[in-house]
Amino acid sequence: MAGPLKGRLRQLENQANTKILSRGQVQGELTWDLTHIYENDAAYFKAIGELETAVAEFTDRFEGRLDGAETIVAALKDYEGILIRIDRLSHYGELYVAVDRTDPVYLKNYLNLQSHLAPIHGALAFLQNEILSQDTGVIQAAVDQAAGYAPFLKDLLRYKPHTLSH
């Protein structure tokens, strides 16, 4: 057998004989420190509840009321904050599962998050449709007022000709 092939076969044999450790069996300094995202699971679960409250307040404040550039910009600022919260929660839940898919606590926590995120995403779905229901001039005024949201709004504008009206 050729040298490189023999070496690769030996490497594969070693991998096959290597015991895969659970996260709890790995030295702490070799694992991700997720306390930079949430201090502990209690803080994580609390953040899920706070996100649900923030989404309810967001929909109460903006759903059916995106009728001008200023309101659209205000909604996008709040929406950005909600997306950041979702991102942090998702990373915390997913990183534990990515490390050890056999741990029932990690899986339960991740699935719990997913069960909360599904209705949250549904509640937020109004935003893009309501923005698209505005005249192009209103959306362009929002672009002009908030350059940071211009890529998002310009991307939405591409879909405007293909969007059904209310």
Foldseek 3Di string as FASTA:
>chain_A
DDDVVVVVVVVVVVVVPDDQDAPVVDPPVPADDLVVLPVDVVRLVVLLVVLVVLLVVLCVVPPVNPAALVSLLVSVVSVVVSVVSLVSSQCSLVRNCVRPVPDPVSVVSNVVSVVSVVVSVVSVVRSLVVLLLYPPVRLVVNCVVDVVCVVVSVVSVVCSVVDDHD
